[in-house]
Amino acid sequence: MVAAPRLVGALEALARLAAAGHVTPGEVAHAKARLLGDAPVAPLRAVGRARRGRTLAISREVLGAPGALAWLEDAVERYDVAVVTPGALDGEDVAARGALRARGLSPYALGRVRFVATKPPADVYVDPRALRFDGTLPSVAELARLAGT
């Protein structure tokens, strides 16, 4: 069950996406059931199988970058793509899916993206809060800069 203010916000976002035609009635019903605790918490799409043998995990924030949709269209051809969105188990995967649909992501690509609440094991991660490890540990000051603290 989701906390009341977050539940109201999620239901309002779902209603806006449904009114605009960006989510199907089935997606709305499934999301509402999950939000209200009446459905299992399994994601809408299959989680465990890689289509191309390699997995790409993308932080939700990455999808707001210029050119992200064209990049994602190409990525689904080469990777099993997982978008990490912390609220995925609270029905926000439906909202994220609707938002990508509204921005013009093709149904083909959208059908190949899965939304997960936590980072899955992956071959490649794309995350704005990550550092590439090259064998040298970053300074604590660099970590603080990255964390915004």
N, C-alpha and C. Protein backbone atom coordinates (compact mmCIF):
# COMPACT_ATOMS: atom_id res chain seq x y z
N MET A 1 0.84 -1.17 0.00
CA MET A 1 0.00 0.00 0.00
C MET A 1 0.89 1.24 0.00
N VAL A 2 0.50 2.25 -0.71
CA VAL A 2 1.27 3.48 -0.89
C VAL A 2 0.76 4.53 0.11
N ALA A 3 1.65 5.39 0.62
CA ALA A 3 1.25 6.47 1.52
C ALA A 3 0.23 7.37 0.83
N ALA A 4 -0.71 7.92 1.60
CA ALA A 4 -1.85 8.68 1.05
C ALA A 4 -1.46 9.80 0.09
N PRO A 5 -0.55 10.74 0.44
CA PRO A 5 -0.23 11.81 -0.51
C PRO A 5 0.37 11.28 -1.81
N ARG A 6 1.21 10.28 -1.69
CA ARG A 6 1.83 9.71 -2.88
C ARG A 6 0.78 8.95 -3.71
N LEU A 7 -0.14 8.29 -3.03
CA LEU A 7 -1.21 7.56 -3.71
C LEU A 7 -2.08 8.52 -4.52
N VAL A 8 -2.46 9.63 -3.91
CA VAL A 8 -3.28 10.62 -4.61
C VAL A 8 -2.54 11.16 -5.82
N GLY A 9 -1.28 11.49 -5.67
CA GLY A 9 -0.48 11.99 -6.79
C GLY A 9 -0.37 10.97 -7.91
N ALA A 10 -0.15 9.71 -7.54
CA ALA A 10 -0.03 8.66 -8.55
C ALA A 10 -1.35 8.46 -9.28
N LEU A 11 -2.46 8.47 -8.55
CA LEU A 11 -3.77 8.30 -9.19
C LEU A 11 -4.11 9.49 -10.09
N GLU A 12 -3.74 10.70 -9.66
CA GLU A 12 -3.98 11.88 -10.50
C GLU A 12 -3.15 11.82 -11.77
N ALA A 13 -1.89 11.42 -11.66
CA ALA A 13 -1.04 11.29 -12.85
C ALA A 13 -1.59 10.23 -13.79
N LEU A 14 -2.05 9.14 -13.23
CA LEU A 14 -2.63 8.07 -14.03
C LEU A 14 -3.89 8.56 -14.76
N ALA A 15 -4.72 9.33 -14.07
CA ALA A 15 -5.93 9.87 -14.69
C ALA A 15 -5.59 10.82 -15.85
N ARG A 16 -4.56 11.65 -15.66
CA ARG A 16 -4.14 12.57 -16.74
C ARG A 16 -3.65 11.79 -17.96
N LEU A 17 -2.84 10.77 -17.71
CA LEU A 17 -2.33 9.97 -18.82
C LEU A 17 -3.46 9.21 -19.53
N ALA A 18 -4.43 8.71 -18.77
CA ALA A 18 -5.56 8.00 -19.37
C ALA A 18 -6.43 8.95 -20.18
N ALA A 19 -6.67 10.16 -19.64
CA ALA A 19 -7.49 11.15 -20.36
C ALA A 19 -6.85 11.56 -21.67
N ALA A 20 -5.53 11.57 -21.70
CA ALA A 20 -4.81 11.94 -22.92
C ALA A 20 -4.64 10.75 -23.87
N GLY A 21 -5.07 9.56 -23.42
CA GLY A 21 -4.97 8.37 -24.27
C GLY A 21 -3.59 7.73 -24.30
N HIS A 22 -2.75 8.04 -23.32
CA HIS A 22 -1.39 7.52 -23.32
C HIS A 22 -1.23 6.20 -22.57
N VAL A 23 -2.25 5.77 -21.85
CA VAL A 23 -2.24 4.45 -21.22
C VAL A 23 -3.55 3.77 -21.56
N THR A 24 -3.50 2.47 -21.66
CA THR A 24 -4.69 1.70 -22.02
C THR A 24 -5.56 1.48 -20.78
N PRO A 25 -6.84 1.17 -20.98
CA PRO A 25 -7.69 0.86 -19.82
C PRO A 25 -7.14 -0.31 -19.00
N GLY A 26 -6.56 -1.30 -19.66
CA GLY A 26 -5.97 -2.42 -18.93
C GLY A 26 -4.80 -1.99 -18.07
N GLU A 27 -3.96 -1.09 -18.59
CA GLU A 27 -2.84 -0.57 -17.80
C GLU A 27 -3.34 0.23 -16.61
N VAL A 28 -4.40 1.00 -16.81
CA VAL A 28 -4.98 1.78 -15.71
C VAL A 28 -5.50 0.85 -14.62
N ALA A 29 -6.25 -0.17 -15.00
CA ALA A 29 -6.81 -1.10 -14.02
C ALA A 29 -5.70 -1.82 -13.26
N HIS A 30 -4.67 -2.25 -13.97
CA HIS A 30 -3.56 -2.95 -13.33
C HIS A 30 -2.83 -2.02 -12.36
N ALA A 31 -2.57 -0.81 -12.79
CA ALA A 31 -1.85 0.15 -11.93
C ALA A 31 -2.67 0.48 -10.68
N LYS A 32 -3.97 0.69 -10.85
CA LYS A 32 -4.81 0.99 -9.68
C LYS A 32 -4.82 -0.18 -8.70
N ALA A 33 -4.92 -1.39 -9.22
CA ALA A 33 -4.92 -2.56 -8.35
C ALA A 33 -3.61 -2.66 -7.58
N ARG A 34 -2.51 -2.38 -8.25
CA ARG A 34 -1.21 -2.44 -7.58
C ARG A 34 -1.07 -1.31 -6.57
N LEU A 35 -1.53 -0.13 -6.93
CA LEU A 35 -1.46 1.00 -6.00
C LEU A 35 -2.26 0.75 -4.74
N LEU A 36 -3.40 0.11 -4.90
CA LEU A 36 -4.28 -0.12 -3.76
C LEU A 36 -3.99 -1.43 -3.04
N GLY A 37 -2.98 -2.14 -3.51
CA GLY A 37 -2.58 -3.36 -2.83
C GLY A 37 -3.42 -4.57 -3.18
N ASP A 38 -4.18 -4.51 -4.27
CA ASP A 38 -5.06 -5.61 -4.65
C ASP A 38 -4.48 -6.51 -5.71
N ALA A 39 -3.22 -6.32 -6.09
CA ALA A 39 -2.63 -7.13 -7.15
C ALA A 39 -1.21 -7.49 -6.77
N PRO A 40 -0.69 -8.56 -7.34
CA PRO A 40 0.72 -8.90 -7.08
C PRO A 40 1.62 -7.80 -7.60
N VAL A 41 2.81 -7.72 -7.05
CA VAL A 41 3.72 -6.63 -7.41
C VAL A 41 4.66 -6.99 -8.55
N ALA A 42 4.32 -7.97 -9.35
CA ALA A 42 5.15 -8.29 -10.51
C ALA A 42 5.02 -7.20 -11.55
N PRO A 43 6.12 -6.83 -12.21
CA PRO A 43 6.05 -5.79 -13.24
C PRO A 43 5.14 -6.20 -14.39
N LEU A 44 4.69 -5.23 -15.18
CA LEU A 44 3.81 -5.50 -16.30
C LEU A 44 4.49 -6.33 -17.37
N ARG A 45 5.77 -6.15 -17.55
CA ARG A 45 6.51 -6.87 -18.58
C ARG A 45 7.38 -7.93 -17.92
N ALA A 46 7.77 -8.92 -18.68
CA ALA A 46 8.66 -9.97 -18.16
C ALA A 46 9.97 -9.34 -17.73
N VAL A 47 10.54 -9.84 -16.64
CA VAL A 47 11.71 -9.21 -16.07
C VAL A 47 13.01 -9.94 -16.38
N GLY A 48 13.02 -11.25 -16.39
CA GLY A 48 14.27 -11.96 -16.31
C GLY A 48 15.01 -12.29 -17.57
N ARG A 49 14.46 -12.12 -18.74
CA ARG A 49 15.15 -12.63 -19.92
C ARG A 49 15.74 -11.52 -20.77
N ALA A 50 16.95 -11.69 -21.18
CA ALA A 50 17.60 -10.73 -22.06
C ALA A 50 17.28 -11.07 -23.51
N ARG A 51 16.83 -10.10 -24.27
CA ARG A 51 16.49 -10.34 -25.67
C ARG A 51 17.74 -10.46 -26.53
N ARG A 52 18.73 -9.70 -26.24
CA ARG A 52 19.92 -9.67 -27.07
C ARG A 52 21.12 -10.29 -26.34
N GLY A 53 20.89 -10.82 -25.15
CA GLY A 53 21.98 -11.43 -24.41
C GLY A 53 22.76 -10.45 -23.55
N ARG A 54 22.47 -9.16 -23.68
CA ARG A 54 23.16 -8.14 -22.88
C ARG A 54 22.10 -7.20 -22.30
N THR A 55 22.33 -6.76 -21.07
CA THR A 55 21.37 -5.91 -20.40
C THR A 55 21.92 -4.51 -20.21
N LEU A 56 21.08 -3.53 -20.46
CA LEU A 56 21.39 -2.11 -20.28
C LEU A 56 20.43 -1.56 -19.24
N ALA A 57 20.95 -1.06 -18.12
CA ALA A 57 20.12 -0.45 -17.08
C ALA A 57 20.28 1.05 -17.16
N ILE A 58 19.15 1.76 -17.26
CA ILE A 58 19.15 3.20 -17.45
C ILE A 58 18.41 3.86 -16.29
N SER A 59 19.03 4.87 -15.70
CA SER A 59 18.34 5.66 -14.69
C SER A 59 17.27 6.50 -15.37
N ARG A 60 16.13 6.65 -14.73
CA ARG A 60 14.99 7.39 -15.28
C ARG A 60 15.39 8.79 -15.73
N GLU A 61 16.28 9.46 -15.01
CA GLU A 61 16.68 10.83 -15.34
C GLU A 61 17.34 10.94 -16.71
N VAL A 62 17.96 9.87 -17.16
CA VAL A 62 18.66 9.87 -18.45
C VAL A 62 17.68 10.10 -19.60
N LEU A 63 16.45 9.65 -19.43
CA LEU A 63 15.47 9.74 -20.52
C LEU A 63 15.01 11.16 -20.81
N GLY A 64 15.40 12.13 -19.98
CA GLY A 64 15.06 13.52 -20.23
C GLY A 64 16.11 14.25 -21.06
N ALA A 65 17.21 13.58 -21.36
CA ALA A 65 18.30 14.22 -22.11
C ALA A 65 17.90 14.42 -23.57
N PRO A 66 18.44 15.47 -24.21
CA PRO A 66 18.17 15.66 -25.64
C PRO A 66 18.58 14.43 -26.43
N GLY A 67 17.73 13.99 -27.32
CA GLY A 67 18.02 12.82 -28.16
C GLY A 67 17.79 11.49 -27.48
N ALA A 68 17.26 11.49 -26.27
CA ALA A 68 17.11 10.25 -25.51
C ALA A 68 16.18 9.25 -26.18
N LEU A 69 15.10 9.72 -26.79
CA LEU A 69 14.15 8.78 -27.39
C LEU A 69 14.75 8.07 -28.59
N ALA A 70 15.46 8.79 -29.45
CA ALA A 70 16.11 8.15 -30.59
C ALA A 70 17.18 7.17 -30.10
N TRP A 71 17.90 7.56 -29.07
CA TRP A 71 18.92 6.69 -28.48
C TRP A 71 18.28 5.42 -27.94
N LEU A 72 17.13 5.57 -27.27
CA LEU A 72 16.43 4.42 -26.70
C LEU A 72 15.89 3.50 -27.80
N GLU A 73 15.40 4.09 -28.89
CA GLU A 73 14.93 3.29 -30.03
C GLU A 73 16.05 2.39 -30.54
N ASP A 74 17.27 2.90 -30.60
CA ASP A 74 18.41 2.12 -31.05
C ASP A 74 18.83 1.11 -29.98
N ALA A 75 18.81 1.51 -28.74
CA ALA A 75 19.28 0.65 -27.64
C ALA A 75 18.45 -0.63 -27.53
N VAL A 76 17.14 -0.56 -27.75
CA VAL A 76 16.31 -1.77 -27.60
C VAL A 76 16.62 -2.81 -28.66
N GLU A 77 17.29 -2.40 -29.74
CA GLU A 77 17.70 -3.36 -30.77
C GLU A 77 18.94 -4.14 -30.35
N ARG A 78 19.71 -3.58 -29.44
CA ARG A 78 20.98 -4.19 -29.05
C ARG A 78 21.00 -4.76 -27.64
N TYR A 79 20.08 -4.29 -26.79
CA TYR A 79 20.09 -4.67 -25.38
C TYR A 79 18.70 -4.99 -24.88
N ASP A 80 18.66 -5.74 -23.78
CA ASP A 80 17.46 -5.87 -22.97
C ASP A 80 17.51 -4.63 -22.07
N VAL A 81 16.59 -3.69 -22.25
CA VAL A 81 16.66 -2.39 -21.57
C VAL A 81 15.76 -2.37 -20.34
N ALA A 82 16.35 -1.97 -19.22
CA ALA A 82 15.61 -1.80 -17.97
C ALA A 82 15.75 -0.34 -17.53
N VAL A 83 14.62 0.34 -17.35
CA VAL A 83 14.63 1.70 -16.84
C VAL A 83 14.40 1.62 -15.34
N VAL A 84 15.35 2.15 -14.57
CA VAL A 84 15.26 2.10 -13.12
C VAL A 84 14.49 3.31 -12.65
N THR A 85 13.29 3.07 -12.15
CA THR A 85 12.44 4.12 -11.61
C THR A 85 11.97 3.66 -10.24
N PRO A 86 12.40 4.32 -9.17
CA PRO A 86 12.16 3.84 -7.82
C PRO A 86 10.70 3.50 -7.51
N GLY A 87 9.75 4.14 -8.15
CA GLY A 87 8.35 3.86 -7.86
C GLY A 87 7.73 2.79 -8.73
N ALA A 88 8.53 2.02 -9.46
CA ALA A 88 7.97 1.06 -10.42
C ALA A 88 6.96 0.12 -9.79
N LEU A 89 7.17 -0.30 -8.58
CA LEU A 89 6.24 -1.24 -7.95
C LEU A 89 5.00 -0.55 -7.42
N ASP A 90 4.96 0.77 -7.46
CA ASP A 90 3.79 1.51 -6.99
C ASP A 90 2.91 1.96 -8.14
N GLY A 91 3.07 1.38 -9.30
CA GLY A 91 2.26 1.74 -10.45
C GLY A 91 2.85 2.84 -11.30
N GLU A 92 3.93 3.45 -10.87
CA GLU A 92 4.52 4.54 -11.63
C GLU A 92 5.17 4.04 -12.91
N ASP A 93 5.35 2.74 -13.04
CA ASP A 93 5.84 2.22 -14.31
C ASP A 93 4.83 2.52 -15.40
N VAL A 94 3.53 2.49 -15.08
CA VAL A 94 2.49 2.81 -16.05
C VAL A 94 2.58 4.29 -16.42
N ALA A 95 2.82 5.14 -15.43
CA ALA A 95 2.97 6.57 -15.71
C ALA A 95 4.22 6.82 -16.57
N ALA A 96 5.32 6.16 -16.24
CA ALA A 96 6.55 6.34 -17.02
C ALA A 96 6.34 5.84 -18.45
N ARG A 97 5.68 4.71 -18.58
CA ARG A 97 5.39 4.16 -19.91
C ARG A 97 4.50 5.14 -20.69
N GLY A 98 3.47 5.68 -20.03
CA GLY A 98 2.59 6.64 -20.69
C GLY A 98 3.31 7.92 -21.08
N ALA A 99 4.23 8.37 -20.21
CA ALA A 99 4.98 9.59 -20.51
C ALA A 99 5.89 9.37 -21.73
N LEU A 100 6.53 8.21 -21.82
CA LEU A 100 7.37 7.93 -22.98
C LEU A 100 6.53 7.81 -24.25
N ARG A 101 5.37 7.21 -24.12
CA ARG A 101 4.45 7.11 -25.26
C ARG A 101 4.03 8.50 -25.70
N ALA A 102 3.71 9.36 -24.74
CA ALA A 102 3.28 10.73 -25.05
C ALA A 102 4.39 11.53 -25.72
N ARG A 103 5.64 11.25 -25.38
CA ARG A 103 6.77 11.96 -25.98
C ARG A 103 7.14 11.41 -27.35
N GLY A 104 6.52 10.28 -27.75
CA GLY A 104 6.73 9.79 -29.10
C GLY A 104 7.56 8.52 -29.24
N LEU A 105 7.85 7.84 -28.14
CA LEU A 105 8.57 6.57 -28.26
C LEU A 105 7.68 5.57 -28.99
N SER A 106 8.23 4.85 -29.93
CA SER A 106 7.43 3.93 -30.73
C SER A 106 6.87 2.80 -29.87
N PRO A 107 5.70 2.28 -30.24
CA PRO A 107 5.16 1.13 -29.52
C PRO A 107 6.12 -0.06 -29.52
N TYR A 108 6.85 -0.22 -30.62
CA TYR A 108 7.84 -1.30 -30.72
C TYR A 108 8.89 -1.17 -29.62
N ALA A 109 9.49 0.02 -29.50
CA ALA A 109 10.53 0.23 -28.48
C ALA A 109 9.93 0.15 -27.08
N LEU A 110 8.76 0.74 -26.91
CA LEU A 110 8.12 0.75 -25.59
C LEU A 110 7.84 -0.66 -25.11
N GLY A 111 7.49 -1.54 -26.03
CA GLY A 111 7.23 -2.93 -25.66
C GLY A 111 8.47 -3.70 -25.26
N ARG A 112 9.63 -3.15 -25.55
CA ARG A 112 10.88 -3.82 -25.22
C ARG A 112 11.59 -3.21 -24.02
N VAL A 113 10.98 -2.21 -23.42
CA VAL A 113 11.54 -1.58 -22.22
C VAL A 113 10.79 -2.12 -21.01
N ARG A 114 11.54 -2.49 -19.98
CA ARG A 114 10.90 -2.88 -18.72
C ARG A 114 11.26 -1.85 -17.66
N PHE A 115 10.37 -1.66 -16.73
CA PHE A 115 10.57 -0.70 -15.66
C PHE A 115 10.76 -1.47 -14.36
N VAL A 116 11.83 -1.14 -13.64
CA VAL A 116 12.18 -1.85 -12.42
C VAL A 116 12.42 -0.85 -11.30
N ALA A 117 12.21 -1.29 -10.06
CA ALA A 117 12.36 -0.40 -8.91
C ALA A 117 13.81 -0.29 -8.44
N THR A 118 14.61 -1.31 -8.69
CA THR A 118 16.01 -1.31 -8.26
C THR A 118 16.89 -1.71 -9.43
N LYS A 119 18.15 -1.33 -9.35
CA LYS A 119 19.09 -1.66 -10.43
C LYS A 119 19.24 -3.17 -10.55
N PRO A 120 18.99 -3.69 -11.74
CA PRO A 120 19.19 -5.12 -11.95
C PRO A 120 20.64 -5.41 -12.30
N PRO A 121 21.05 -6.67 -12.25
CA PRO A 121 22.37 -6.99 -12.78
C PRO A 121 22.38 -6.61 -14.27
N ALA A 122 23.39 -5.92 -14.71
CA ALA A 122 23.43 -5.47 -16.11
C ALA A 122 24.86 -5.43 -16.61
N ASP A 123 24.98 -5.45 -17.93
CA ASP A 123 26.29 -5.33 -18.56
C ASP A 123 26.74 -3.88 -18.61
N VAL A 124 25.77 -2.97 -18.76
CA VAL A 124 26.07 -1.54 -18.88
C VAL A 124 25.05 -0.77 -18.05
N TYR A 125 25.52 0.24 -17.31
CA TYR A 125 24.65 1.14 -16.56
C TYR A 125 24.81 2.56 -17.08
N VAL A 126 23.71 3.28 -17.24
CA VAL A 126 23.77 4.69 -17.61
C VAL A 126 23.03 5.43 -16.50
N ASP A 127 23.78 6.19 -15.72
CA ASP A 127 23.23 6.84 -14.53
C ASP A 127 23.99 8.14 -14.30
N PRO A 128 23.30 9.27 -14.12
CA PRO A 128 24.00 10.54 -13.93
C PRO A 128 24.73 10.65 -12.59
N ARG A 129 24.48 9.73 -11.68
CA ARG A 129 25.12 9.79 -10.37
C ARG A 129 26.20 8.72 -10.22
N ALA A 130 26.79 8.30 -11.30
CA ALA A 130 27.79 7.22 -11.23
C ALA A 130 29.15 7.72 -11.71
N LEU A 131 30.16 7.05 -11.25
CA LEU A 131 31.53 7.30 -11.71
C LEU A 131 32.03 6.04 -12.39
N ARG A 132 32.82 6.21 -13.40
CA ARG A 132 33.44 5.04 -14.04
C ARG A 132 34.66 4.64 -13.23
N PHE A 133 34.69 3.39 -12.82
CA PHE A 133 35.81 2.89 -12.04
C PHE A 133 36.91 2.42 -12.99
N ASP A 134 38.06 3.04 -12.88
CA ASP A 134 39.19 2.70 -13.75
C ASP A 134 40.34 2.09 -12.97
N GLY A 135 40.05 1.63 -11.75
CA GLY A 135 41.09 1.04 -10.91
C GLY A 135 41.58 1.99 -9.84
N THR A 136 41.21 3.27 -9.95
CA THR A 136 41.60 4.27 -8.97
C THR A 136 40.36 4.74 -8.24
N LEU A 137 40.38 4.68 -6.91
CA LEU A 137 39.22 5.14 -6.14
C LEU A 137 39.11 6.66 -6.20
N PRO A 138 37.89 7.17 -6.34
CA PRO A 138 37.70 8.62 -6.36
C PRO A 138 37.92 9.20 -4.96
N SER A 139 38.23 10.49 -4.91
CA SER A 139 38.38 11.14 -3.61
C SER A 139 37.00 11.28 -2.96
N VAL A 140 36.99 11.43 -1.66
CA VAL A 140 35.73 11.64 -0.95
C VAL A 140 35.09 12.95 -1.41
N ALA A 141 35.91 13.95 -1.75
CA ALA A 141 35.39 15.21 -2.25
C ALA A 141 34.65 15.00 -3.58
N GLU A 142 35.18 14.13 -4.44
CA GLU A 142 34.52 13.82 -5.71
C GLU A 142 33.18 13.13 -5.47
N LEU A 143 33.14 12.23 -4.50
CA LEU A 143 31.88 11.56 -4.13
C LEU A 143 30.86 12.58 -3.62
N ALA A 144 31.32 13.53 -2.81
CA ALA A 144 30.43 14.55 -2.27
C ALA A 144 29.88 15.43 -3.38
N ARG A 145 30.72 15.76 -4.35
CA ARG A 145 30.27 16.57 -5.50
C ARG A 145 29.20 15.83 -6.28
N LEU A 146 29.43 14.55 -6.51
CA LEU A 146 28.49 13.73 -7.25
C LEU A 146 27.16 13.61 -6.51
N ALA A 147 27.22 13.45 -5.20
CA ALA A 147 26.02 13.30 -4.38
C ALA A 147 25.32 14.63 -4.13
N GLY A 148 25.98 15.73 -4.48
CA GLY A 148 25.38 17.04 -4.24
C GLY A 148 25.40 17.47 -2.79
N THR A 149 26.35 16.92 -2.03
CA THR A 149 26.43 17.28 -0.61
C THR A 149 27.69 18.06 -0.32
